[in-house]
């Protein structure tokens, strides 16, 4: 007899918000090299699959993380993904996690916010409710 598997939901696990791309390397192995301090702050892992949203040009793509030197503030988009970003583009990097329905209400993502120089300015675990703008 087949037992039904419990439903799982995919939720935002970590977000690096408004990073500035420091370089693009078409001929480099690995798709997104990040300062390891950023990876650790977001509780992400090297080789983890991530989604990258380019605020500057609207591109959206999947890739994985590789380590760049700690303290370097490096955000390098590499390989084929390098065609989707340019230095100084503003990007958001997100990782997602699949979890059982009964864990959804207690889930808290790790949200890391940056300034224009790729300095971490805030780490939070929730996003404020968006208000409707009055016209």
N, C-alpha and C. Protein backbone atom coordinates (compact mmCIF):
# COMPACT_ATOMS: atom_id res chain seq x y z
N UNK A 1 0.84 -1.17 0.00
CA UNK A 1 0.00 0.00 0.00
C UNK A 1 0.89 1.25 0.00
N UNK A 2 0.55 2.22 -0.83
CA UNK A 2 1.31 3.47 -0.95
C UNK A 2 0.78 4.49 0.07
N UNK A 3 1.68 5.02 0.86
CA UNK A 3 1.31 6.04 1.82
C UNK A 3 1.59 7.41 1.22
N UNK A 4 0.65 8.30 1.34
CA UNK A 4 0.83 9.67 0.81
C UNK A 4 1.94 10.38 1.59
N UNK A 5 2.82 11.03 0.85
CA UNK A 5 3.87 11.83 1.47
C UNK A 5 3.28 13.15 1.95
N UNK A 6 3.73 13.63 3.10
CA UNK A 6 3.21 14.93 3.56
C UNK A 6 3.60 16.03 2.56
N UNK A 7 2.69 16.97 2.37
CA UNK A 7 2.95 18.08 1.45
C UNK A 7 4.09 18.93 1.99
N UNK A 8 4.96 19.36 1.08
CA UNK A 8 6.04 20.27 1.44
C UNK A 8 5.84 21.57 0.69
N UNK A 9 6.29 22.65 1.31
CA UNK A 9 6.22 23.97 0.70
C UNK A 9 7.64 24.49 0.53
N UNK A 10 7.85 25.30 -0.48
CA UNK A 10 9.16 25.91 -0.73
C UNK A 10 9.06 27.37 -0.29
N UNK A 11 9.93 27.74 0.66
CA UNK A 11 9.91 29.10 1.20
C UNK A 11 11.29 29.74 1.09
N UNK A 12 11.30 31.07 1.09
CA UNK A 12 12.55 31.81 1.12
C UNK A 12 13.33 31.40 2.36
N UNK A 13 14.58 31.00 2.17
CA UNK A 13 15.42 30.61 3.30
C UNK A 13 16.41 31.72 3.66
N UNK A 14 17.04 32.29 2.63
CA UNK A 14 18.04 33.35 2.85
C UNK A 14 17.98 34.34 1.70
N UNK A 15 18.32 35.59 2.01
CA UNK A 15 18.35 36.61 0.96
C UNK A 15 19.50 37.57 1.22
N UNK A 16 20.27 37.84 0.18
CA UNK A 16 21.29 38.90 0.18
C UNK A 16 20.69 40.01 -0.67
N UNK A 17 20.32 41.13 -0.04
CA UNK A 17 19.51 42.15 -0.69
C UNK A 17 20.33 43.35 -1.14
N UNK A 18 20.28 43.61 -2.44
CA UNK A 18 20.88 44.78 -3.08
C UNK A 18 22.41 44.80 -2.97
N UNK A 19 22.99 43.71 -3.40
CA UNK A 19 24.45 43.65 -3.56
C UNK A 19 24.83 44.35 -4.86
N UNK A 20 26.03 44.90 -4.91
CA UNK A 20 26.54 45.49 -6.13
C UNK A 20 27.54 44.52 -6.75
N UNK A 21 27.32 44.16 -8.02
CA UNK A 21 28.23 43.27 -8.73
C UNK A 21 29.58 43.97 -8.85
N UNK A 22 30.64 43.27 -8.47
CA UNK A 22 31.98 43.86 -8.53
C UNK A 22 32.73 43.46 -9.79
N UNK A 23 32.37 42.31 -10.37
CA UNK A 23 33.04 41.86 -11.59
C UNK A 23 32.21 40.78 -12.28
N UNK A 24 32.49 40.57 -13.57
CA UNK A 24 31.92 39.46 -14.32
C UNK A 24 33.09 38.76 -15.02
N UNK A 25 33.06 37.44 -15.01
CA UNK A 25 34.15 36.63 -15.57
C UNK A 25 33.56 35.52 -16.43
N UNK A 26 33.47 35.74 -17.74
CA UNK A 26 32.87 34.75 -18.63
C UNK A 26 33.67 33.45 -18.64
N UNK A 27 34.98 33.51 -18.57
CA UNK A 27 35.82 32.31 -18.69
C UNK A 27 36.23 31.71 -17.35
N UNK A 28 35.48 32.00 -16.28
CA UNK A 28 35.83 31.47 -14.97
C UNK A 28 34.86 30.37 -14.57
N UNK A 29 35.38 29.28 -14.00
CA UNK A 29 34.52 28.18 -13.55
C UNK A 29 33.74 28.61 -12.31
N UNK A 30 32.52 28.19 -12.23
CA UNK A 30 31.68 28.56 -11.09
C UNK A 30 30.86 29.77 -11.44
N UNK A 31 29.65 29.81 -10.98
CA UNK A 31 28.74 30.82 -11.50
C UNK A 31 28.59 32.09 -10.68
N UNK A 32 28.73 32.03 -9.35
CA UNK A 32 28.67 33.27 -8.57
C UNK A 32 29.63 33.15 -7.40
N UNK A 33 30.70 33.93 -7.46
CA UNK A 33 31.67 33.96 -6.36
C UNK A 33 31.29 35.08 -5.41
N UNK A 34 31.14 34.73 -4.13
CA UNK A 34 30.76 35.71 -3.11
C UNK A 34 31.77 35.71 -1.97
N UNK A 35 32.03 36.90 -1.46
CA UNK A 35 32.79 37.05 -0.22
C UNK A 35 32.22 36.04 0.79
N UNK A 36 33.07 35.19 1.34
CA UNK A 36 32.57 34.15 2.26
C UNK A 36 31.89 34.75 3.49
N UNK A 37 32.20 35.98 3.85
CA UNK A 37 31.48 36.62 4.96
C UNK A 37 30.00 36.79 4.61
N UNK A 38 29.70 37.08 3.34
CA UNK A 38 28.31 37.22 2.90
C UNK A 38 27.60 35.87 2.95
N UNK A 39 28.30 34.83 2.48
CA UNK A 39 27.72 33.48 2.48
C UNK A 39 27.36 33.07 3.91
N UNK A 40 28.29 33.29 4.84
CA UNK A 40 28.04 32.92 6.24
C UNK A 40 26.95 33.77 6.88
N UNK A 41 26.93 35.06 6.60
CA UNK A 41 25.92 35.96 7.19
C UNK A 41 24.51 35.51 6.79
N UNK A 42 24.37 35.01 5.57
CA UNK A 42 23.05 34.58 5.08
C UNK A 42 22.76 33.12 5.41
N UNK A 43 23.69 32.46 6.09
CA UNK A 43 23.54 31.02 6.40
C UNK A 43 23.36 30.20 5.12
N UNK A 44 24.07 30.61 4.08
CA UNK A 44 24.12 29.87 2.82
C UNK A 44 25.35 28.99 2.84
N UNK A 45 25.53 28.19 1.79
CA UNK A 45 26.67 27.29 1.69
C UNK A 45 27.32 27.40 0.32
N UNK A 46 28.62 27.18 0.28
CA UNK A 46 29.30 27.09 -0.99
C UNK A 46 28.68 25.93 -1.76
N UNK A 47 28.49 26.10 -3.05
CA UNK A 47 27.87 25.14 -3.98
C UNK A 47 26.35 25.05 -3.85
N UNK A 48 25.75 25.88 -3.01
CA UNK A 48 24.29 25.89 -2.87
C UNK A 48 23.67 26.54 -4.10
N UNK A 49 22.54 25.97 -4.55
CA UNK A 49 21.79 26.56 -5.64
C UNK A 49 21.11 27.84 -5.15
N UNK A 50 21.20 28.88 -5.95
CA UNK A 50 20.57 30.16 -5.62
C UNK A 50 19.88 30.71 -6.86
N UNK A 51 18.96 31.61 -6.61
CA UNK A 51 18.31 32.39 -7.67
C UNK A 51 18.87 33.80 -7.56
N UNK A 52 19.20 34.39 -8.69
CA UNK A 52 19.72 35.77 -8.71
C UNK A 52 18.77 36.63 -9.51
N UNK A 53 18.39 37.75 -8.91
CA UNK A 53 17.48 38.70 -9.52
C UNK A 53 18.25 40.00 -9.74
N UNK A 54 18.42 40.38 -11.00
CA UNK A 54 19.17 41.58 -11.32
C UNK A 54 18.20 42.76 -11.34
N UNK A 55 18.29 43.60 -10.33
CA UNK A 55 17.39 44.76 -10.20
C UNK A 55 17.66 45.76 -11.33
N UNK A 56 18.90 45.86 -11.77
CA UNK A 56 19.28 46.84 -12.77
C UNK A 56 18.70 46.54 -14.15
N UNK A 57 18.76 45.27 -14.58
CA UNK A 57 18.33 44.96 -15.95
C UNK A 57 17.15 43.98 -16.04
N UNK A 58 16.66 43.49 -14.91
CA UNK A 58 15.50 42.60 -14.91
C UNK A 58 15.80 41.14 -15.15
N UNK A 59 17.05 40.78 -15.40
CA UNK A 59 17.41 39.37 -15.62
C UNK A 59 17.19 38.57 -14.33
N UNK A 60 16.78 37.32 -14.50
CA UNK A 60 16.59 36.39 -13.38
C UNK A 60 17.20 35.07 -13.81
N UNK A 61 18.05 34.47 -12.95
CA UNK A 61 18.67 33.21 -13.33
C UNK A 61 19.06 32.40 -12.10
N UNK A 62 19.21 31.09 -12.32
CA UNK A 62 19.63 30.16 -11.27
C UNK A 62 21.10 29.86 -11.47
N UNK A 63 21.80 29.66 -10.36
CA UNK A 63 23.21 29.28 -10.42
C UNK A 63 23.59 28.69 -9.07
N UNK A 64 24.88 28.63 -8.77
CA UNK A 64 25.33 28.14 -7.47
C UNK A 64 26.46 29.05 -6.98
N UNK A 65 26.72 28.96 -5.69
CA UNK A 65 27.73 29.83 -5.07
C UNK A 65 29.09 29.16 -4.99
N UNK A 66 30.14 29.96 -5.18
CA UNK A 66 31.49 29.54 -4.85
C UNK A 66 32.10 30.62 -3.96
N UNK A 67 33.13 30.26 -3.24
CA UNK A 67 33.74 31.18 -2.27
C UNK A 67 34.68 32.18 -2.94
N UNK A 68 34.59 33.42 -2.47
CA UNK A 68 35.57 34.45 -2.78
C UNK A 68 36.19 34.85 -1.44
N UNK A 69 37.33 35.46 -1.49
CA UNK A 69 38.08 35.80 -0.28
C UNK A 69 37.25 36.58 0.73
N UNK A 70 37.31 36.14 1.99
CA UNK A 70 36.60 36.82 3.08
C UNK A 70 37.08 38.26 3.19
N UNK A 71 36.15 39.18 3.34
CA UNK A 71 36.47 40.60 3.50
C UNK A 71 36.70 41.33 2.18
N UNK A 72 36.65 40.63 1.06
CA UNK A 72 36.92 41.25 -0.24
C UNK A 72 35.73 42.02 -0.80
N UNK A 73 34.52 41.75 -0.28
CA UNK A 73 33.26 42.32 -0.78
C UNK A 73 32.97 41.92 -2.23
N UNK A 74 33.60 40.82 -2.66
CA UNK A 74 33.45 40.34 -4.04
C UNK A 74 32.05 39.80 -4.30
N UNK A 75 31.51 40.21 -5.44
CA UNK A 75 30.29 39.64 -6.01
C UNK A 75 30.61 39.49 -7.49
N UNK A 76 31.02 38.27 -7.87
CA UNK A 76 31.45 38.02 -9.24
C UNK A 76 30.47 37.06 -9.91
N UNK A 77 29.90 37.49 -11.01
CA UNK A 77 29.00 36.64 -11.80
C UNK A 77 29.86 36.01 -12.90
N UNK A 78 29.90 34.68 -12.92
CA UNK A 78 30.86 33.96 -13.76
C UNK A 78 30.20 33.04 -14.78
N UNK A 79 31.00 32.61 -15.74
CA UNK A 79 30.55 31.65 -16.74
C UNK A 79 29.43 32.24 -17.58
N UNK A 80 28.52 31.37 -18.02
CA UNK A 80 27.41 31.81 -18.87
C UNK A 80 26.58 32.90 -18.21
N UNK A 81 26.46 32.84 -16.88
CA UNK A 81 25.67 33.84 -16.15
C UNK A 81 26.25 35.25 -16.29
N UNK A 82 27.54 35.34 -16.64
CA UNK A 82 28.18 36.64 -16.79
C UNK A 82 27.52 37.48 -17.89
N UNK A 83 26.78 36.83 -18.78
CA UNK A 83 26.06 37.57 -19.84
C UNK A 83 24.82 38.27 -19.28
N UNK A 84 24.45 37.97 -18.04
CA UNK A 84 23.22 38.49 -17.45
C UNK A 84 23.45 39.61 -16.44
N UNK A 85 24.72 40.02 -16.28
CA UNK A 85 25.04 41.09 -15.33
C UNK A 85 26.27 41.86 -15.79
N UNK A 86 26.39 43.05 -15.26
CA UNK A 86 27.55 43.91 -15.51
C UNK A 86 28.04 44.45 -14.18
N UNK A 87 29.33 44.83 -14.11
CA UNK A 87 29.82 45.46 -12.87
C UNK A 87 28.92 46.64 -12.49
N UNK A 88 28.66 46.77 -11.21
CA UNK A 88 27.83 47.81 -10.60
C UNK A 88 26.33 47.55 -10.70
N UNK A 89 25.90 46.47 -11.37
CA UNK A 89 24.49 46.11 -11.33
C UNK A 89 24.10 45.79 -9.89
N UNK A 90 22.86 46.07 -9.55
CA UNK A 90 22.34 45.74 -8.23
C UNK A 90 21.59 44.42 -8.35
N UNK A 91 21.95 43.46 -7.47
CA UNK A 91 21.31 42.15 -7.53
C UNK A 91 20.79 41.73 -6.16
N UNK A 92 19.88 40.77 -6.19
CA UNK A 92 19.37 40.11 -4.99
C UNK A 92 19.64 38.62 -5.19
N UNK A 93 20.21 37.97 -4.19
CA UNK A 93 20.50 36.54 -4.26
C UNK A 93 19.66 35.85 -3.20
N UNK A 94 18.88 34.84 -3.62
CA UNK A 94 17.98 34.13 -2.71
C UNK A 94 18.22 32.63 -2.76
N UNK A 95 18.08 32.00 -1.59
CA UNK A 95 18.04 30.55 -1.52
C UNK A 95 16.70 30.17 -0.93
N UNK A 96 16.25 28.98 -1.27
CA UNK A 96 14.93 28.52 -0.85
C UNK A 96 15.08 27.16 -0.17
N UNK A 97 14.12 26.82 0.70
CA UNK A 97 14.14 25.53 1.39
C UNK A 97 12.76 24.89 1.31
N UNK A 98 12.77 23.58 1.14
CA UNK A 98 11.53 22.81 1.12
C UNK A 98 11.30 22.29 2.53
N UNK A 99 10.10 22.50 3.04
CA UNK A 99 9.81 22.06 4.40
C UNK A 99 8.39 21.55 4.53
N UNK A 100 8.18 20.68 5.52
CA UNK A 100 6.82 20.17 5.75
C UNK A 100 5.87 21.30 6.15
N UNK A 101 4.62 21.13 5.80
CA UNK A 101 3.58 22.12 6.07
C UNK A 101 3.56 22.56 7.53
N UNK A 102 3.81 21.65 8.46
CA UNK A 102 3.73 22.00 9.88
C UNK A 102 4.88 22.88 10.36
N UNK A 103 5.90 23.12 9.53
CA UNK A 103 7.02 24.00 9.91
C UNK A 103 6.90 25.40 9.30
N UNK A 104 5.96 25.57 8.40
CA UNK A 104 5.84 26.83 7.66
C UNK A 104 5.59 28.03 8.57
N UNK A 105 4.68 27.93 9.49
CA UNK A 105 4.32 29.08 10.34
C UNK A 105 5.46 29.55 11.23
N UNK A 106 6.37 28.66 11.60
CA UNK A 106 7.49 29.03 12.48
C UNK A 106 8.76 29.38 11.72
N UNK A 107 8.74 29.29 10.41
CA UNK A 107 9.95 29.54 9.61
C UNK A 107 10.32 31.02 9.63
N UNK A 108 11.59 31.29 9.83
CA UNK A 108 12.12 32.66 9.79
C UNK A 108 13.31 32.68 8.83
N UNK A 109 13.21 33.40 7.72
CA UNK A 109 14.34 33.47 6.79
C UNK A 109 15.45 34.37 7.35
N UNK A 110 16.64 34.25 6.78
CA UNK A 110 17.75 35.15 7.11
C UNK A 110 17.87 36.15 5.98
N UNK A 111 17.68 37.43 6.30
CA UNK A 111 17.65 38.50 5.31
C UNK A 111 18.80 39.47 5.59
N UNK A 112 19.74 39.56 4.66
CA UNK A 112 20.94 40.38 4.85
C UNK A 112 20.87 41.55 3.87
N UNK A 113 20.97 42.76 4.41
CA UNK A 113 20.83 43.99 3.62
C UNK A 113 22.18 44.69 3.50
N UNK A 114 22.42 45.29 2.31
CA UNK A 114 23.71 45.90 2.00
C UNK A 114 23.56 47.35 1.59
N UNK A 115 24.64 48.12 1.78
CA UNK A 115 24.68 49.49 1.26
C UNK A 115 25.37 49.47 -0.10
N UNK A 116 25.62 50.63 -0.67
CA UNK A 116 26.19 50.73 -2.02
C UNK A 116 27.63 50.26 -2.12
N UNK A 117 28.30 50.08 -0.97
CA UNK A 117 29.70 49.62 -0.99
C UNK A 117 29.82 48.15 -0.59
N UNK A 118 28.70 47.43 -0.60
CA UNK A 118 28.64 46.02 -0.21
C UNK A 118 29.01 45.79 1.26
N UNK A 119 28.68 46.78 2.09
CA UNK A 119 28.79 46.60 3.54
C UNK A 119 27.46 46.10 4.05
N UNK A 120 27.51 45.12 4.94
CA UNK A 120 26.28 44.65 5.57
C UNK A 120 25.78 45.74 6.51
N UNK A 121 24.51 46.15 6.33
CA UNK A 121 23.95 47.20 7.18
C UNK A 121 22.89 46.68 8.13
N UNK A 122 22.31 45.50 7.83
CA UNK A 122 21.26 44.98 8.69
C UNK A 122 21.02 43.51 8.37
N UNK A 123 20.69 42.74 9.39
CA UNK A 123 20.26 41.35 9.22
C UNK A 123 18.94 41.21 9.96
N UNK A 124 17.91 40.73 9.23
CA UNK A 124 16.57 40.60 9.80
C UNK A 124 16.03 39.20 9.51
N UNK A 125 14.85 38.94 10.06
CA UNK A 125 14.21 37.64 9.79
C UNK A 125 12.77 37.79 9.29
N UNK A 126 12.40 39.01 8.90
CA UNK A 126 11.07 39.19 8.32
C UNK A 126 11.06 40.44 7.44
N UNK A 127 10.10 40.46 6.54
CA UNK A 127 9.92 41.59 5.63
C UNK A 127 8.62 42.27 6.04
N UNK A 128 8.62 43.59 6.21
CA UNK A 128 7.40 44.29 6.60
C UNK A 128 6.27 44.07 5.59
N UNK A 129 5.05 44.08 6.07
CA UNK A 129 3.87 43.99 5.19
C UNK A 129 3.87 45.20 4.27
N UNK A 130 3.70 44.95 2.98
CA UNK A 130 3.69 46.06 2.02
C UNK A 130 2.37 46.79 2.10
N UNK A 131 2.47 48.11 2.16
CA UNK A 131 1.28 48.94 2.19
C UNK A 131 0.96 49.41 0.78
N UNK A 132 -0.32 49.58 0.52
CA UNK A 132 -0.78 50.09 -0.77
C UNK A 132 -0.47 51.59 -0.80
N UNK A 133 0.10 52.03 -1.90
CA UNK A 133 0.38 53.47 -2.04
C UNK A 133 -0.89 54.20 -2.40
N UNK A 134 -1.11 55.33 -1.76
CA UNK A 134 -2.26 56.15 -2.16
C UNK A 134 -1.85 57.00 -3.34
N UNK A 135 -2.78 57.24 -4.21
CA UNK A 135 -2.49 57.94 -5.45
C UNK A 135 -2.65 59.42 -5.32
